[in-house]
Amino acid sequence: MSIFEKKEKNLNELIDKLDVLTSTYSQSSYEKEKIHTEKNEIIRQKLEVEKRNQDLMREHKYLKEKITSLQREIKKNSDIEDKFNQDIEELSQETENLVDEIEKWQT
């Protein structure tokens, strides 16, 4: 269970306790209102945290996709570079062979 899930569970338990307190415990209306206000504030904070978590998850997904895209691009560029080096090597070998052939014809 993640820290976020533990905190959410604790928060829900606290909200439930506040609900029970407001409905069963006899107290002044000021105290009831205070508990109700605190409960609403906790719910608001919970919603804020959930929204931030969703935003972070969305950003994480975007960044993960971006990294994957960049990795593919790097691999593609590396493959192109390898092919280019191979072509240069082949041309170098062909040039060497041509020079050898020219030398043979000159002697």
C-alpha atoms as a PDB file:
ATOM      1  CA  MET A   1       0.000   0.000   0.000  1.00  0.00           C
ATOM      2  CA  SER A   2       1.498   3.325  -1.026  1.00  0.00           C
ATOM      3  CA  ILE A   3       1.874   6.303   1.264  1.00  0.00           C
ATOM      4  CA  PHE A   4      -0.820   8.095  -0.705  1.00  0.00           C
ATOM      5  CA  GLU A   5      -3.235   5.211  -0.212  1.00  0.00           C
ATOM      6  CA  LYS A   6      -2.456   5.063   3.529  1.00  0.00           C
ATOM      7  CA  LYS A   7      -3.050   8.777   3.898  1.00  0.00           C
ATOM      8  CA  GLU A   8      -6.272   8.532   1.938  1.00  0.00           C
ATOM      9  CA  LYS A   9      -7.429   5.637   4.125  1.00  0.00           C
ATOM     10  CA  ASN A  10      -6.601   7.592   7.288  1.00  0.00           C
ATOM     11  CA  LEU A  11      -8.355  10.650   5.926  1.00  0.00           C
ATOM     12  CA  ASN A  12     -11.484   8.668   5.095  1.00  0.00           C
ATOM     13  CA  GLU A  13     -11.462   7.149   8.574  1.00  0.00           C
ATOM     14  CA  LEU A  14     -11.153  10.609  10.091  1.00  0.00           C
ATOM     15  CA  ILE A  15     -14.036  11.876   7.981  1.00  0.00           C
ATOM     16  CA  ASP A  16     -16.162   8.928   9.083  1.00  0.00           C
ATOM     17  CA  LYS A  17     -15.310   9.641  12.723  1.00  0.00           C
ATOM     18  CA  LEU A  18     -16.243  13.275  12.259  1.00  0.00           C
ATOM     19  CA  ASP A  19     -19.563  12.236  10.747  1.00  0.00           C
ATOM     20  CA  VAL A  20     -20.270   9.983  13.719  1.00  0.00           C
ATOM     21  CA  LEU A  21     -19.241  12.705  16.149  1.00  0.00           C
ATOM     22  CA  THR A  22     -21.487  15.311  14.599  1.00  0.00           C
ATOM     23  CA  SER A  23     -24.467  13.013  14.511  1.00  0.00           C
ATOM     24  CA  THR A  24     -24.192  11.318  17.932  1.00  0.00           C
ATOM     25  CA  TYR A  25     -22.321  13.560  20.284  1.00  0.00           C
ATOM     26  CA  SER A  26     -24.315  16.266  21.936  1.00  0.00           C
ATOM     27  CA  GLN A  27     -22.443  19.518  21.894  1.00  0.00           C
ATOM     28  CA  SER A  28     -22.967  23.166  21.263  1.00  0.00           C
ATOM     29  CA  SER A  29     -23.847  24.276  17.777  1.00  0.00           C
ATOM     30  CA  TYR A  30     -20.550  26.197  17.632  1.00  0.00           C
ATOM     31  CA  GLU A  31     -18.611  22.977  18.175  1.00  0.00           C
ATOM     32  CA  LYS A  32     -20.781  21.140  15.685  1.00  0.00           C
ATOM     33  CA  GLU A  33     -20.186  23.856  13.133  1.00  0.00           C
ATOM     34  CA  LYS A  34     -16.463  23.800  13.867  1.00  0.00           C
ATOM     35  CA  ILE A  35     -16.313  20.036  13.333  1.00  0.00           C
ATOM     36  CA  HIS A  36     -18.388  20.362  10.181  1.00  0.00           C
ATOM     37  CA  THR A  37     -16.066  23.092   8.888  1.00  0.00           C
ATOM     38  CA  GLU A  38     -12.996  20.981   9.673  1.00  0.00           C
ATOM     39  CA  LYS A  39     -14.584  18.020   7.932  1.00  0.00           C
ATOM     40  CA  ASN A  40     -15.267  20.126   4.847  1.00  0.00           C
ATOM     41  CA  GLU A  41     -11.715  21.466   4.906  1.00  0.00           C
ATOM     42  CA  ILE A  42     -10.313  17.942   5.092  1.00  0.00           C
ATOM     43  CA  ILE A  43     -12.511  16.856   2.188  1.00  0.00           C
ATOM     44  CA  ARG A  44     -11.378  19.903   0.202  1.00  0.00           C
ATOM     45  CA  GLN A  45      -7.721  19.108   0.931  1.00  0.00           C
ATOM     46  CA  LYS A  46      -8.283  15.507  -0.065  1.00  0.00           C
ATOM     47  CA  LEU A  47      -9.764  16.599  -3.391  1.00  0.00           C
ATOM     48  CA  GLU A  48      -6.841  18.960  -3.946  1.00  0.00           C
ATOM     49  CA  VAL A  49      -4.347  16.181  -3.254  1.00  0.00           C
ATOM     50  CA  GLU A  50      -6.210  13.829  -5.589  1.00  0.00           C
ATOM     51  CA  LYS A  51      -6.195  16.477  -8.316  1.00  0.00           C
ATOM     52  CA  ARG A  52      -2.471  17.124  -7.841  1.00  0.00           C
ATOM     53  CA  ASN A  53      -1.862  13.397  -7.918  1.00  0.00           C
ATOM     54  CA  GLN A  54      -3.782  13.092 -11.192  1.00  0.00           C
ATOM     55  CA  ASP A  55      -1.816  15.998 -12.641  1.00  0.00           C
ATOM     56  CA  LEU A  56       1.438  14.388 -11.580  1.00  0.00           C
ATOM     57  CA  MET A  57       0.377  11.040 -13.002  1.00  0.00           C
ATOM     58  CA  ARG A  58      -0.521  12.722 -16.292  1.00  0.00           C
ATOM     59  CA  GLU A  59       2.825  14.529 -16.363  1.00  0.00           C
ATOM     60  CA  HIS A  60       4.632  11.306 -15.486  1.00  0.00           C
ATOM     61  CA  LYS A  61       2.928   9.525 -18.368  1.00  0.00           C
ATOM     62  CA  TYR A  62       3.823  12.360 -20.768  1.00  0.00           C
ATOM     63  CA  LEU A  63       7.459  12.383 -19.645  1.00  0.00           C
ATOM     64  CA  LYS A  64       7.673   8.613 -19.867  1.00  0.00           C
ATOM     65  CA  GLU A  65       6.355   8.716 -23.440  1.00  0.00           C
ATOM     66  CA  LYS A  66       8.779  11.536 -24.241  1.00  0.00           C
ATOM     67  CA  ILE A  67      11.706   9.503 -22.904  1.00  0.00           C
ATOM     68  CA  THR A  68      10.612   6.486 -24.925  1.00  0.00           C
ATOM     69  CA  SER A  69      10.361   8.657 -28.032  1.00  0.00           C
ATOM     70  CA  LEU A  70      13.819  10.099 -27.445  1.00  0.00           C
ATOM     71  CA  GLN A  71      15.251   6.625 -26.895  1.00  0.00           C
ATOM     72  CA  ARG A  72      13.792   5.499 -30.218  1.00  0.00           C
ATOM     73  CA  GLU A  73      15.225   8.558 -31.922  1.00  0.00           C
ATOM     74  CA  ILE A  74      18.662   7.920 -30.402  1.00  0.00           C
ATOM     75  CA  LYS A  75      18.540   4.297 -31.538  1.00  0.00           C
ATOM     76  CA  LYS A  76      17.512   5.373 -35.025  1.00  0.00           C
ATOM     77  CA  ASN A  77      20.343   7.907 -35.183  1.00  0.00           C
ATOM     78  CA  SER A  78      22.787   5.326 -33.891  1.00  0.00           C
ATOM     79  CA  ASP A  79      21.652   2.869 -36.561  1.00  0.00           C
ATOM     80  CA  ILE A  80      22.080   5.554 -39.227  1.00  0.00           C
ATOM     81  CA  GLU A  81      25.546   6.363 -37.913  1.00  0.00           C
ATOM     82  CA  ASP A  82      26.491   2.670 -37.921  1.00  0.00           C
ATOM     83  CA  LYS A  83      25.288   2.338 -41.503  1.00  0.00           C
ATOM     84  CA  PHE A  84      27.204   5.458 -42.494  1.00  0.00           C
ATOM     85  CA  ASN A  85      30.408   4.118 -40.899  1.00  0.00           C
ATOM     86  CA  GLN A  86      29.915   0.805 -42.645  1.00  0.00           C
ATOM     87  CA  ASP A  87      29.462   2.588 -46.000  1.00  0.00           C
ATOM     88  CA  ILE A  88      32.631   4.609 -45.402  1.00  0.00           C
ATOM     89  CA  GLU A  89      34.532   1.436 -44.589  1.00  0.00           C
ATOM     90  CA  GLU A  90      33.267  -0.212 -47.755  1.00  0.00           C
ATOM     91  CA  LEU A  91      34.217   2.835 -49.846  1.00  0.00           C
ATOM     92  CA  SER A  92      37.623   2.911 -48.235  1.00  0.00           C
ATOM     93  CA  GLN A  93      38.132  -0.755 -49.071  1.00  0.00           C
ATOM     94  CA  GLU A  94      36.982  -0.191 -52.665  1.00  0.00           C
ATOM     95  CA  THR A  95      39.317   2.785 -52.985  1.00  0.00           C
ATOM     96  CA  GLU A  96      42.183   0.691 -51.692  1.00  0.00           C
ATOM     97  CA  ASN A  97      41.364  -2.031 -54.218  1.00  0.00           C
ATOM     98  CA  LEU A  98      41.218   0.527 -57.038  1.00  0.00           C
ATOM     99  CA  VAL A  99      44.565   1.992 -56.041  1.00  0.00           C
ATOM    100  CA  ASP A 100      46.031  -1.523 -56.054  1.00  0.00           C
ATOM    101  CA  GLU A 101      44.571  -2.157 -59.505  1.00  0.00           C
ATOM    102  CA  ILE A 102      45.949   1.136 -60.836  1.00  0.00           C
ATOM    103  CA  GLU A 103      49.394   0.290 -59.452  1.00  0.00           C
ATOM    104  CA  LYS A 104      49.263  -3.112 -61.183  1.00  0.00           C
ATOM    105  CA  TRP A 105      48.411  -1.499 -64.482  1.00  0.00           C
ATOM    106  CA  GLN A 106      51.174   1.026 -64.147  1.00  0.00           C
ATOM    107  CA  THR A 107      53.896  -1.563 -63.692  1.00  0.00           C
END
